[in-house]
Amino acid sequence: MRSIPRKLVYRRPRFRVDLPVVLHDEQGRRLHGRCSELSSEGAGLNLHEAPAAGKPVRVEIEVDEQVVRVTGCVVRQHGGNRFGLRFLPAGAEERRAIERMVALVQHNPFF
């Protein structure tokens, strides 16, 4: 008997995107990759190197020629080079930056 994959239900809408991303980890490494999913709570990333899970990182995501810089934490690896990132905004300014970024991709299908 084959199992049927269950559909995940998320608390916040997720949007498929293809955006450049850079993670700055605690060791000072710059990890380059792409952001493939975005929500107000986090992002799905494709990276060439594996970041340490559970450690804080600084995240730069380029959206519409703007670079959004926020704090985050890698929470899971989805096999290979796919990672889940949770945003951990350090204050109201970072929260607003995340909200603006999500609003941009929500209303523009070309990201």
PDB file of N, CA and C in Angstrom:
ATOM      1  N   MET A   1       0.845  -1.182   0.000  1.00  0.00           N
ATOM      2  CA  MET A   1       0.000   0.000   0.000  1.00  0.00           C
ATOM      3  C   MET A   1       0.886   1.240   0.000  1.00  0.00           C
ATOM      4  N   ARG A   2       0.624   2.148  -0.884  1.00  0.00           N
ATOM      5  CA  ARG A   2       1.406   3.378  -0.994  1.00  0.00           C
ATOM      6  C   ARG A   2       0.798   4.455  -0.119  1.00  0.00           C
ATOM      7  N   SER A   3       1.669   5.220   0.503  1.00  0.00           N
ATOM      8  CA  SER A   3       1.156   6.319   1.321  1.00  0.00           C
ATOM      9  C   SER A   3       0.898   7.535   0.443  1.00  0.00           C
ATOM     10  N   ILE A   4      -0.072   8.291   0.824  1.00  0.00           N
ATOM     11  CA  ILE A   4      -0.433   9.513   0.106  1.00  0.00           C
ATOM     12  C   ILE A   4       0.234  10.675   0.820  1.00  0.00           C
ATOM     13  N   PRO A   5       1.033  11.474   0.082  1.00  0.00           N
ATOM     14  CA  PRO A   5       1.670  12.609   0.754  1.00  0.00           C
ATOM     15  C   PRO A   5       0.620  13.583   1.273  1.00  0.00           C
ATOM     16  N   ARG A   6       0.823  14.034   2.495  1.00  0.00           N
ATOM     17  CA  ARG A   6      -0.135  14.978   3.055  1.00  0.00           C
ATOM     18  C   ARG A   6       0.247  16.399   2.674  1.00  0.00           C
ATOM     19  N   LYS A   7      -0.738  17.210   2.493  1.00  0.00           N
ATOM     20  CA  LYS A   7      -0.513  18.611   2.166  1.00  0.00           C
ATOM     21  C   LYS A   7      -0.265  19.378   3.458  1.00  0.00           C
ATOM     22  N   LEU A   8       0.820  20.131   3.487  1.00  0.00           N
ATOM     23  CA  LEU A   8       1.145  20.909   4.671  1.00  0.00           C
ATOM     24  C   LEU A   8       0.278  22.155   4.741  1.00  0.00           C
ATOM     25  N   VAL A   9      -0.140  22.481   5.933  1.00  0.00           N
ATOM     26  CA  VAL A   9      -0.932  23.689   6.165  1.00  0.00           C
ATOM     27  C   VAL A   9      -0.044  24.648   6.939  1.00  0.00           C
ATOM     28  N   TYR A  10       0.147  25.834   6.395  1.00  0.00           N
ATOM     29  CA  TYR A  10       1.017  26.833   7.007  1.00  0.00           C
ATOM     30  C   TYR A  10       0.187  27.923   7.666  1.00  0.00           C
ATOM     31  N   ARG A  11       0.761  28.540   8.689  1.00  0.00           N
ATOM     32  CA  ARG A  11       0.061  29.632   9.391  1.00  0.00           C
ATOM     33  C   ARG A  11      -0.022  30.887   8.540  1.00  0.00           C
ATOM     34  N   ARG A  12       0.966  31.116   7.689  1.00  0.00           N
ATOM     35  CA  ARG A  12       1.007  32.303   6.834  1.00  0.00           C
ATOM     36  C   ARG A  12       1.159  31.867   5.377  1.00  0.00           C
ATOM     37  N   PRO A  13       0.589  32.628   4.454  1.00  0.00           N
ATOM     38  CA  PRO A  13       0.736  32.272   3.037  1.00  0.00           C
ATOM     39  C   PRO A  13       2.206  32.280   2.620  1.00  0.00           C
ATOM     40  N   ARG A  14       2.548  31.336   1.753  1.00  0.00           N
ATOM     41  CA  ARG A  14       3.897  31.264   1.185  1.00  0.00           C
ATOM     42  C   ARG A  14       3.821  31.596  -0.296  1.00  0.00           C
ATOM     43  N   PHE A  15       4.869  32.240  -0.769  1.00  0.00           N
ATOM     44  CA  PHE A  15       4.911  32.654  -2.170  1.00  0.00           C
ATOM     45  C   PHE A  15       6.164  32.087  -2.812  1.00  0.00           C
ATOM     46  N   ARG A  16       5.984  31.508  -3.987  1.00  0.00           N
ATOM     47  CA  ARG A  16       7.131  30.998  -4.745  1.00  0.00           C
ATOM     48  C   ARG A  16       7.847  32.187  -5.366  1.00  0.00           C
ATOM     49  N   VAL A  17       9.164  32.212  -5.183  1.00  0.00           N
ATOM     50  CA  VAL A  17       9.990  33.306  -5.692  1.00  0.00           C
ATOM     51  C   VAL A  17      11.302  32.730  -6.209  1.00  0.00           C
ATOM     52  N   ASP A  18      12.081  33.554  -6.840  1.00  0.00           N
ATOM     53  CA  ASP A  18      13.448  33.211  -7.236  1.00  0.00           C
ATOM     54  C   ASP A  18      14.279  34.472  -7.029  1.00  0.00           C
ATOM     55  N   LEU A  19      14.801  34.614  -5.807  1.00  0.00           N
ATOM     56  CA  LEU A  19      15.500  35.837  -5.410  1.00  0.00           C
ATOM     57  C   LEU A  19      16.899  35.508  -4.895  1.00  0.00           C
ATOM     58  N   PRO A  20      17.882  36.375  -5.177  1.00  0.00           N
ATOM     59  CA  PRO A  20      19.215  36.161  -4.619  1.00  0.00           C
ATOM     60  C   PRO A  20      19.221  36.347  -3.110  1.00  0.00           C
ATOM     61  N   VAL A  21      20.003  35.502  -2.433  1.00  0.00           N
ATOM     62  CA  VAL A  21      20.098  35.574  -0.975  1.00  0.00           C
ATOM     63  C   VAL A  21      21.546  35.356  -0.549  1.00  0.00           C
ATOM     64  N   VAL A  22      21.936  36.045   0.537  1.00  0.00           N
ATOM     65  CA  VAL A  22      23.246  35.834   1.155  1.00  0.00           C
ATOM     66  C   VAL A  22      23.014  35.676   2.655  1.00  0.00           C
ATOM     67  N   LEU A  23      23.584  34.610   3.226  1.00  0.00           N
ATOM     68  CA  LEU A  23      23.546  34.407   4.673  1.00  0.00           C
ATOM     69  C   LEU A  23      24.923  34.708   5.236  1.00  0.00           C
ATOM     70  N   HIS A  24      24.966  35.397   6.345  1.00  0.00           N
ATOM     71  CA  HIS A  24      26.206  35.668   7.070  1.00  0.00           C
ATOM     72  C   HIS A  24      26.112  34.876   8.372  1.00  0.00           C
ATOM     73  N   ASP A  25      26.967  33.857   8.540  1.00  0.00           N
ATOM     74  CA  ASP A  25      26.869  33.035   9.745  1.00  0.00           C
ATOM     75  C   ASP A  25      27.825  33.511  10.833  1.00  0.00           C
ATOM     76  N   GLU A  26      27.793  32.824  11.977  1.00  0.00           N
ATOM     77  CA  GLU A  26      28.602  33.215  13.128  1.00  0.00           C
ATOM     78  C   GLU A  26      30.100  33.095  12.880  1.00  0.00           C
ATOM     79  N   GLN A  27      30.506  32.227  11.939  1.00  0.00           N
ATOM     80  CA  GLN A  27      31.924  32.064  11.616  1.00  0.00           C
ATOM     81  C   GLN A  27      32.417  33.113  10.616  1.00  0.00           C
ATOM     82  N   GLY A  28      31.528  34.017  10.223  1.00  0.00           N
ATOM     83  CA  GLY A  28      31.905  35.055   9.278  1.00  0.00           C
ATOM     84  C   GLY A  28      31.810  34.631   7.823  1.00  0.00           C
ATOM     85  N   ARG A  29      31.277  33.442   7.563  1.00  0.00           N
ATOM     86  CA  ARG A  29      31.119  32.989   6.172  1.00  0.00           C
ATOM     87  C   ARG A  29      29.952  33.709   5.506  1.00  0.00           C
ATOM     88  N   ARG A  30      30.086  33.919   4.203  1.00  0.00           N
ATOM     89  CA  ARG A  30      29.007  34.452   3.369  1.00  0.00           C
ATOM     90  C   ARG A  30      28.539  33.309   2.486  1.00  0.00           C
ATOM     91  N   LEU A  31      27.313  32.857   2.712  1.00  0.00           N
ATOM     92  CA  LEU A  31      26.760  31.736   1.962  1.00  0.00           C
ATOM     93  C   LEU A  31      25.775  32.274   0.933  1.00  0.00           C
ATOM     94  N   HIS A  32      26.092  32.090  -0.333  1.00  0.00           N
ATOM     95  CA  HIS A  32      25.271  32.618  -1.426  1.00  0.00           C
ATOM     96  C   HIS A  32      24.306  31.551  -1.921  1.00  0.00           C
ATOM     97  N   GLY A  33      23.133  31.992  -2.337  1.00  0.00           N
ATOM     98  CA  GLY A  33      22.163  31.069  -2.887  1.00  0.00           C
ATOM     99  C   GLY A  33      20.938  31.790  -3.405  1.00  0.00           C
ATOM    100  N   ARG A  34      19.822  31.059  -3.433  1.00  0.00           N
ATOM    101  CA  ARG A  34      18.553  31.589  -3.934  1.00  0.00           C
ATOM    102  C   ARG A  34      17.462  31.333  -2.910  1.00  0.00           C
ATOM    103  N   CYS A  35      16.530  32.262  -2.836  1.00  0.00           N
ATOM    104  CA  CYS A  35      15.334  32.117  -2.018  1.00  0.00           C
ATOM    105  C   CYS A  35      14.237  31.604  -2.952  1.00  0.00           C
ATOM    106  N   SER A  36      13.630  30.455  -2.612  1.00  0.00           N
ATOM    107  CA  SER A  36      12.623  29.855  -3.491  1.00  0.00           C
ATOM    108  C   SER A  36      11.198  29.983  -2.953  1.00  0.00           C
ATOM    109  N   GLU A  37      11.049  30.216  -1.647  1.00  0.00           N
ATOM    110  CA  GLU A  37       9.739  30.434  -1.028  1.00  0.00           C
ATOM    111  C   GLU A  37       9.885  31.527   0.012  1.00  0.00           C
ATOM    112  N   LEU A  38       8.823  32.311   0.160  1.00  0.00           N
ATOM    113  CA  LEU A  38       8.881  33.422   1.097  1.00  0.00           C
ATOM    114  C   LEU A  38       7.540  33.579   1.804  1.00  0.00           C
ATOM    115  N   SER A  39       7.596  33.809   3.111  1.00  0.00           N
ATOM    116  CA  SER A  39       6.400  34.142   3.890  1.00  0.00           C
ATOM    117  C   SER A  39       6.826  35.167   4.936  1.00  0.00           C
ATOM    118  N   SER A  40       5.877  35.641   5.695  1.00  0.00           N
ATOM    119  CA  SER A  40       6.216  36.614   6.737  1.00  0.00           C
ATOM    120  C   SER A  40       6.936  35.957   7.909  1.00  0.00           C
ATOM    121  N   GLU A  41       6.950  34.631   7.957  1.00  0.00           N
ATOM    122  CA  GLU A  41       7.615  33.917   9.047  1.00  0.00           C
ATOM    123  C   GLU A  41       8.979  33.359   8.675  1.00  0.00           C
ATOM    124  N   GLY A  42       9.248  33.195   7.376  1.00  0.00           N
ATOM    125  CA  GLY A  42      10.518  32.603   6.991  1.00  0.00           C
ATOM    126  C   GLY A  42      10.640  32.432   5.496  1.00  0.00           C
ATOM    127  N   ALA A  43      11.633  31.611   5.120  1.00  0.00           N
ATOM    128  CA  ALA A  43      11.938  31.438   3.704  1.00  0.00           C
ATOM    129  C   ALA A  43      12.481  30.040   3.443  1.00  0.00           C
ATOM    130  N   GLY A  44      12.277  29.582   2.227  1.00  0.00           N
ATOM    131  CA  GLY A  44      12.916  28.368   1.737  1.00  0.00           C
ATOM    132  C   GLY A  44      14.117  28.785   0.921  1.00  0.00           C
ATOM    133  N   LEU A  45      15.284  28.207   1.223  1.00  0.00           N
ATOM    134  CA  LEU A  45      16.524  28.625   0.579  1.00  0.00           C
ATOM    135  C   LEU A  45      17.201  27.457  -0.118  1.00  0.00           C
ATOM    136  N   ASN A  46      17.883  27.762  -1.198  1.00  0.00           N
ATOM    137  CA  ASN A  46      18.780  26.832  -1.872  1.00  0.00           C
ATOM    138  C   ASN A  46      20.174  27.436  -1.764  1.00  0.00           C
ATOM    139  N   LEU A  47      21.060  26.737  -1.034  1.00  0.00           N
ATOM    140  CA  LEU A  47      22.406  27.254  -0.773  1.00  0.00           C
ATOM    141  C   LEU A  47      23.452  26.251  -1.236  1.00  0.00           C
ATOM    142  N   HIS A  48      24.624  26.757  -1.627  1.00  0.00           N
ATOM    143  CA  HIS A  48      25.712  25.897  -2.083  1.00  0.00           C
ATOM    144  C   HIS A  48      26.442  25.240  -0.917  1.00  0.00           C
ATOM    145  N   GLU A  49      26.419  25.852   0.255  1.00  0.00           N
ATOM    146  CA  GLU A  49      27.052  25.316   1.453  1.00  0.00           C
ATOM    147  C   GLU A  49      25.999  25.193   2.549  1.00  0.00           C
ATOM    148  N   ALA A  50      26.232  24.270   3.466  1.00  0.00           N
ATOM    149  CA  ALA A  50      25.283  24.062   4.560  1.00  0.00           C
ATOM    150  C   ALA A  50      25.592  24.977   5.737  1.00  0.00           C
ATOM    151  N   PRO A  51      24.630  25.795   6.142  1.00  0.00           N
ATOM    152  CA  PRO A  51      24.802  26.589   7.361  1.00  0.00           C
ATOM    153  C   PRO A  51      24.527  25.723   8.585  1.00  0.00           C
ATOM    154  N   ALA A  52      24.991  26.156   9.727  1.00  0.00           N
ATOM    155  CA  ALA A  52      24.727  25.427  10.972  1.00  0.00           C
ATOM    156  C   ALA A  52      23.275  25.632  11.381  1.00  0.00           C
ATOM    157  N   ALA A  53      22.569  24.534  11.614  1.00  0.00           N
ATOM    158  CA  ALA A  53      21.169  24.621  12.031  1.00  0.00           C
ATOM    159  C   ALA A  53      21.076  25.123  13.466  1.00  0.00           C
ATOM    160  N   GLY A  54      20.074  25.953  13.718  1.00  0.00           N
ATOM    161  CA  GLY A  54      19.823  26.442  15.059  1.00  0.00           C
ATOM    162  C   GLY A  54      20.659  27.640  15.471  1.00  0.00           C
ATOM    163  N   LYS A  55      21.548  28.088  14.610  1.00  0.00           N
ATOM    164  CA  LYS A  55      22.403  29.239  14.927  1.00  0.00           C
ATOM    165  C   LYS A  55      21.862  30.486  14.241  1.00  0.00           C
ATOM    166  N   PRO A  56      21.982  31.640  14.884  1.00  0.00           N
ATOM    167  CA  PRO A  56      21.505  32.871  14.245  1.00  0.00           C
ATOM    168  C   PRO A  56      22.354  33.235  13.038  1.00  0.00           C
ATOM    169  N   VAL A  57      21.698  33.805  12.043  1.00  0.00           N
ATOM    170  CA  VAL A  57      22.370  34.284  10.830  1.00  0.00           C
ATOM    171  C   VAL A  57      21.793  35.647  10.467  1.00  0.00           C
ATOM    172  N   ARG A  58      22.567  36.416   9.737  1.00  0.00           N
ATOM    173  CA  ARG A  58      22.056  37.639   9.112  1.00  0.00           C
ATOM    174  C   ARG A  58      21.714  37.269   7.681  1.00  0.00           C
ATOM    175  N   VAL A  59      20.548  37.683   7.237  1.00  0.00           N
ATOM    176  CA  VAL A  59      20.045  37.306   5.923  1.00  0.00           C
ATOM    177  C   VAL A  59      19.882  38.552   5.071  1.00  0.00           C
ATOM    178  N   GLU A  60      20.341  38.482   3.843  1.00  0.00           N
ATOM    179  CA  GLU A  60      20.123  39.550   2.858  1.00  0.00           C
ATOM    180  C   GLU A  60      19.367  38.945   1.685  1.00  0.00           C
ATOM    181  N   ILE A  61      18.165  39.466   1.418  1.00  0.00           N
ATOM    182  CA  ILE A  61      17.367  39.024   0.276  1.00  0.00           C
ATOM    183  C   ILE A  61      17.129  40.227  -0.611  1.00  0.00           C
ATOM    184  N   GLU A  62      17.467  40.072  -1.885  1.00  0.00           N
ATOM    185  CA  GLU A  62      17.290  41.181  -2.832  1.00  0.00           C
ATOM    186  C   GLU A  62      15.929  41.065  -3.501  1.00  0.00           C
ATOM    187  N   VAL A  63      15.123  42.122  -3.334  1.00  0.00           N
ATOM    188  CA  VAL A  63      13.782  42.176  -3.910  1.00  0.00           C
ATOM    189  C   VAL A  63      13.622  43.514  -4.612  1.00  0.00           C
ATOM    190  N   ASP A  64      13.326  43.460  -5.902  1.00  0.00           N
ATOM    191  CA  ASP A  64      13.050  44.682  -6.658  1.00  0.00           C
ATOM    192  C   ASP A  64      14.148  45.731  -6.481  1.00  0.00           C
ATOM    193  N   GLU A  65      15.399  45.291  -6.622  1.00  0.00           N
ATOM    194  CA  GLU A  65      16.591  46.148  -6.524  1.00  0.00           C
ATOM    195  C   GLU A  65      16.786  46.745  -5.135  1.00  0.00           C
ATOM    196  N   GLN A  66      16.148  46.172  -4.119  1.00  0.00           N
ATOM    197  CA  GLN A  66      16.344  46.562  -2.725  1.00  0.00           C
ATOM    198  C   GLN A  66      16.875  45.349  -1.974  1.00  0.00           C
ATOM    199  N   VAL A  67      17.785  45.579  -1.050  1.00  0.00           N
ATOM    200  CA  VAL A  67      18.291  44.486  -0.227  1.00  0.00           C
ATOM    201  C   VAL A  67      17.651  44.595   1.154  1.00  0.00           C
ATOM    202  N   VAL A  68      16.931  43.547   1.538  1.00  0.00           N
ATOM    203  CA  VAL A  68      16.295  43.488   2.848  1.00  0.00           C
ATOM    204  C   VAL A  68      17.216  42.690   3.757  1.00  0.00           C
ATOM    205  N   ARG A  69      17.600  43.281   4.893  1.00  0.00           N
ATOM    206  CA  ARG A  69      18.502  42.633   5.843  1.00  0.00           C
ATOM    207  C   ARG A  69      17.740  42.346   7.136  1.00  0.00           C
ATOM    208  N   VAL A  70      17.707  41.059   7.501  1.00  0.00           N
ATOM    209  CA  VAL A  70      17.005  40.645   8.717  1.00  0.00           C
ATOM    210  C   VAL A  70      17.801  39.545   9.419  1.00  0.00           C
ATOM    211  N   THR A  71      17.432  39.294  10.653  1.00  0.00           N
ATOM    212  CA  THR A  71      18.015  38.215  11.426  1.00  0.00           C
ATOM    213  C   THR A  71      17.159  36.971  11.249  1.00  0.00           C
ATOM    214  N   GLY A  72      17.809  35.821  11.212  1.00  0.00           N
ATOM    215  CA  GLY A  72      17.070  34.578  11.063  1.00  0.00           C
ATOM    216  C   GLY A  72      17.808  33.417  11.692  1.00  0.00           C
ATOM    217  N   CYS A  73      17.239  32.230  11.510  1.00  0.00           N
ATOM    218  CA  CYS A  73      17.808  31.010  12.059  1.00  0.00           C
ATOM    219  C   CYS A  73      17.444  29.859  11.117  1.00  0.00           C
ATOM    220  N   VAL A  74      18.425  29.068  10.703  1.00  0.00           N
ATOM    221  CA  VAL A  74      18.146  27.898   9.875  1.00  0.00           C
ATOM    222  C   VAL A  74      17.516  26.841  10.770  1.00  0.00           C
ATOM    223  N   VAL A  75      16.325  26.396  10.402  1.00  0.00           N
ATOM    224  CA  VAL A  75      15.589  25.475  11.270  1.00  0.00           C
ATOM    225  C   VAL A  75      15.527  24.043  10.742  1.00  0.00           C
ATOM    226  N   ARG A  76      15.774  23.846   9.445  1.00  0.00           N
ATOM    227  CA  ARG A  76      15.761  22.471   8.935  1.00  0.00           C
ATOM    228  C   ARG A  76      16.433  22.389   7.576  1.00  0.00           C
ATOM    229  N   GLN A  77      16.875  21.169   7.273  1.00  0.00           N
ATOM    230  CA  GLN A  77      17.428  20.877   5.952  1.00  0.00           C
ATOM    231  C   GLN A  77      16.476  19.918   5.265  1.00  0.00           C
ATOM    232  N   HIS A  78      16.138  20.221   4.020  1.00  0.00           N
ATOM    233  CA  HIS A  78      15.177  19.415   3.271  1.00  0.00           C
ATOM    234  C   HIS A  78      15.877  18.499   2.285  1.00  0.00           C
ATOM    235  N   GLY A  79      17.079  18.102   2.583  1.00  0.00           N
ATOM    236  CA  GLY A  79      17.834  17.239   1.674  1.00  0.00           C
ATOM    237  C   GLY A  79      18.651  18.054   0.706  1.00  0.00           C
ATOM    238  N   GLY A  80      19.862  17.609   0.474  1.00  0.00           N
ATOM    239  CA  GLY A  80      20.729  18.304  -0.471  1.00  0.00           C
ATOM    240  C   GLY A  80      21.018  19.721  -0.047  1.00  0.00           C
ATOM    241  N   ASN A  81      20.689  20.658  -0.914  1.00  0.00           N
ATOM    242  CA  ASN A  81      21.025  22.066  -0.651  1.00  0.00           C
ATOM    243  C   ASN A  81      19.801  22.919  -0.323  1.00  0.00           C
ATOM    244  N   ARG A  82      18.701  22.307   0.127  1.00  0.00           N
ATOM    245  CA  ARG A  82      17.479  23.051   0.457  1.00  0.00           C
ATOM    246  C   ARG A  82      17.360  23.194   1.974  1.00  0.00           C
ATOM    247  N   PHE A  83      17.085  24.438   2.422  1.00  0.00           N
ATOM    248  CA  PHE A  83      17.034  24.739   3.848  1.00  0.00           C
ATOM    249  C   PHE A  83      15.814  25.584   4.180  1.00  0.00           C
ATOM    250  N   GLY A  84      15.310  25.415   5.385  1.00  0.00           N
ATOM    251  CA  GLY A  84      14.228  26.251   5.896  1.00  0.00           C
ATOM    252  C   GLY A  84      14.795  27.275   6.863  1.00  0.00           C
ATOM    253  N   LEU A  85      14.379  28.516   6.701  1.00  0.00           N
ATOM    254  CA  LEU A  85      14.858  29.614   7.528  1.00  0.00           C
ATOM    255  C   LEU A  85      13.679  30.272   8.229  1.00  0.00           C
ATOM    256  N   ARG A  86      13.803  30.486   9.518  1.00  0.00           N
ATOM    257  CA  ARG A  86      12.791  31.236  10.274  1.00  0.00           C
ATOM    258  C   ARG A  86      13.326  32.642  10.510  1.00  0.00           C
ATOM    259  N   PHE A  87      12.504  33.631  10.212  1.00  0.00           N
ATOM    260  CA  PHE A  87      12.892  35.008  10.516  1.00  0.00           C
ATOM    261  C   PHE A  87      12.778  35.248  12.011  1.00  0.00           C
ATOM    262  N   LEU A  88      13.771  35.906  12.565  1.00  0.00           N
ATOM    263  CA  LEU A  88      13.777  36.317  13.973  1.00  0.00           C
ATOM    264  C   LEU A  88      14.054  37.813  14.007  1.00  0.00           C
ATOM    265  N   PRO A  89      13.074  38.617  13.620  1.00  0.00           N
ATOM    266  CA  PRO A  89      13.315  40.048  13.482  1.00  0.00           C
ATOM    267  C   PRO A  89      13.768  40.694  14.793  1.00  0.00           C
ATOM    268  N   ALA A  90      14.816  41.469  14.680  1.00  0.00           N
ATOM    269  CA  ALA A  90      15.364  42.184  15.837  1.00  0.00           C
ATOM    270  C   ALA A  90      14.740  43.574  15.877  1.00  0.00           C
ATOM    271  N   GLY A  91      13.496  43.648  16.293  1.00  0.00           N
ATOM    272  CA  GLY A  91      12.846  44.935  16.437  1.00  0.00           C
ATOM    273  C   GLY A  91      11.825  45.238  15.361  1.00  0.00           C
ATOM    274  N   ALA A  92      11.160  46.357  15.555  1.00  0.00           N
ATOM    275  CA  ALA A  92      10.066  46.773  14.674  1.00  0.00           C
ATOM    276  C   ALA A  92      10.537  47.083  13.260  1.00  0.00           C
ATOM    277  N   GLU A  93      11.727  47.638  13.105  1.00  0.00           N
ATOM    278  CA  GLU A  93      12.227  47.986  11.772  1.00  0.00           C
ATOM    279  C   GLU A  93      12.399  46.731  10.911  1.00  0.00           C
ATOM    280  N   GLU A  94      12.956  45.674  11.469  1.00  0.00           N
ATOM    281  CA  GLU A  94      13.113  44.436  10.710  1.00  0.00           C
ATOM    282  C   GLU A  94      11.757  43.800  10.407  1.00  0.00           C
ATOM    283  N   ARG A  95      10.813  43.874  11.352  1.00  0.00           N
ATOM    284  CA  ARG A  95       9.467  43.340  11.090  1.00  0.00           C
ATOM    285  C   ARG A  95       8.813  44.071   9.926  1.00  0.00           C
ATOM    286  N   ARG A  96       8.942  45.399   9.901  1.00  0.00           N
ATOM    287  CA  ARG A  96       8.372  46.180   8.796  1.00  0.00           C
ATOM    288  C   ARG A  96       9.054  45.833   7.466  1.00  0.00           C
ATOM    289  N   ALA A  97      10.355  45.617   7.493  1.00  0.00           N
ATOM    290  CA  ALA A  97      11.086  45.252   6.269  1.00  0.00           C
ATOM    291  C   ALA A  97      10.583  43.917   5.722  1.00  0.00           C
ATOM    292  N   ILE A  98      10.329  42.970   6.608  1.00  0.00           N
ATOM    293  CA  ILE A  98       9.792  41.672   6.177  1.00  0.00           C
ATOM    294  C   ILE A  98       8.399  41.850   5.590  1.00  0.00           C
ATOM    295  N   GLU A  99       7.562  42.622   6.242  1.00  0.00           N
ATOM    296  CA  GLU A  99       6.198  42.856   5.741  1.00  0.00           C
ATOM    297  C   GLU A  99       6.213  43.517   4.364  1.00  0.00           C
ATOM    298  N   ARG A 100       7.102  44.510   4.169  1.00  0.00           N
ATOM    299  CA  ARG A 100       7.205  45.177   2.860  1.00  0.00           C
ATOM    300  C   ARG A 100       7.670  44.193   1.786  1.00  0.00           C
ATOM    301  N   MET A 101       8.648  43.357   2.129  1.00  0.00           N
ATOM    302  CA  MET A 101       9.174  42.389   1.174  1.00  0.00           C
ATOM    303  C   MET A 101       8.087  41.398   0.756  1.00  0.00           C
ATOM    304  N   VAL A 102       7.335  40.879   1.717  1.00  0.00           N
ATOM    305  CA  VAL A 102       6.268  39.932   1.403  1.00  0.00           C
ATOM    306  C   VAL A 102       5.179  40.605   0.580  1.00  0.00           C
ATOM    307  N   ALA A 103       4.836  41.837   0.897  1.00  0.00           N
ATOM    308  CA  ALA A 103       3.824  42.561   0.113  1.00  0.00           C
ATOM    309  C   ALA A 103       4.278  42.740  -1.334  1.00  0.00           C
ATOM    310  N   LEU A 104       5.553  43.020  -1.542  1.00  0.00           N
ATOM    311  CA  LEU A 104       6.070  43.168  -2.904  1.00  0.00           C
ATOM    312  C   LEU A 104       5.903  41.887  -3.712  1.00  0.00           C
ATOM    313  N   VAL A 105       6.304  40.749  -3.140  1.00  0.00           N
ATOM    314  CA  VAL A 105       6.222  39.501  -3.904  1.00  0.00           C
ATOM    315  C   VAL A 105       4.786  39.010  -4.024  1.00  0.00           C
ATOM    316  N   GLN A 106       3.942  39.327  -3.063  1.00  0.00           N
ATOM    317  CA  GLN A 106       2.543  38.910  -3.099  1.00  0.00           C
ATOM    318  C   GLN A 106       1.819  39.538  -4.280  1.00  0.00           C
ATOM    319  N   HIS A 107       2.155  40.771  -4.589  1.00  0.00           N
ATOM    320  CA  HIS A 107       1.434  41.494  -5.647  1.00  0.00           C
ATOM    321  C   HIS A 107       2.187  41.549  -6.967  1.00  0.00           C
ATOM    322  N   ASN A 108       3.301  40.829  -7.074  1.00  0.00           N
ATOM    323  CA  ASN A 108       4.064  40.833  -8.316  1.00  0.00           C
ATOM    324  C   ASN A 108       4.457  39.397  -8.651  1.00  0.00           C
ATOM    325  N   PRO A 109       3.847  38.791  -9.673  1.00  0.00           N
ATOM    326  CA  PRO A 109       4.114  37.398  -9.998  1.00  0.00           C
ATOM    327  C   PRO A 109       5.470  37.156 -10.664  1.00  0.00           C
ATOM    328  N   PHE A 110       6.250  38.196 -10.888  1.00  0.00           N
ATOM    329  CA  PHE A 110       7.509  38.036 -11.626  1.00  0.00           C
ATOM    330  C   PHE A 110       8.721  37.835 -10.737  1.00  0.00           C
ATOM    331  N   PHE A 111       8.518  37.649  -9.432  1.00  0.00           N
ATOM    332  CA  PHE A 111       9.649  37.356  -8.558  1.00  0.00           C
ATOM    333  C   PHE A 111       9.809  35.873  -8.502  1.00  0.00           C
TER     334      PHE A 111
END
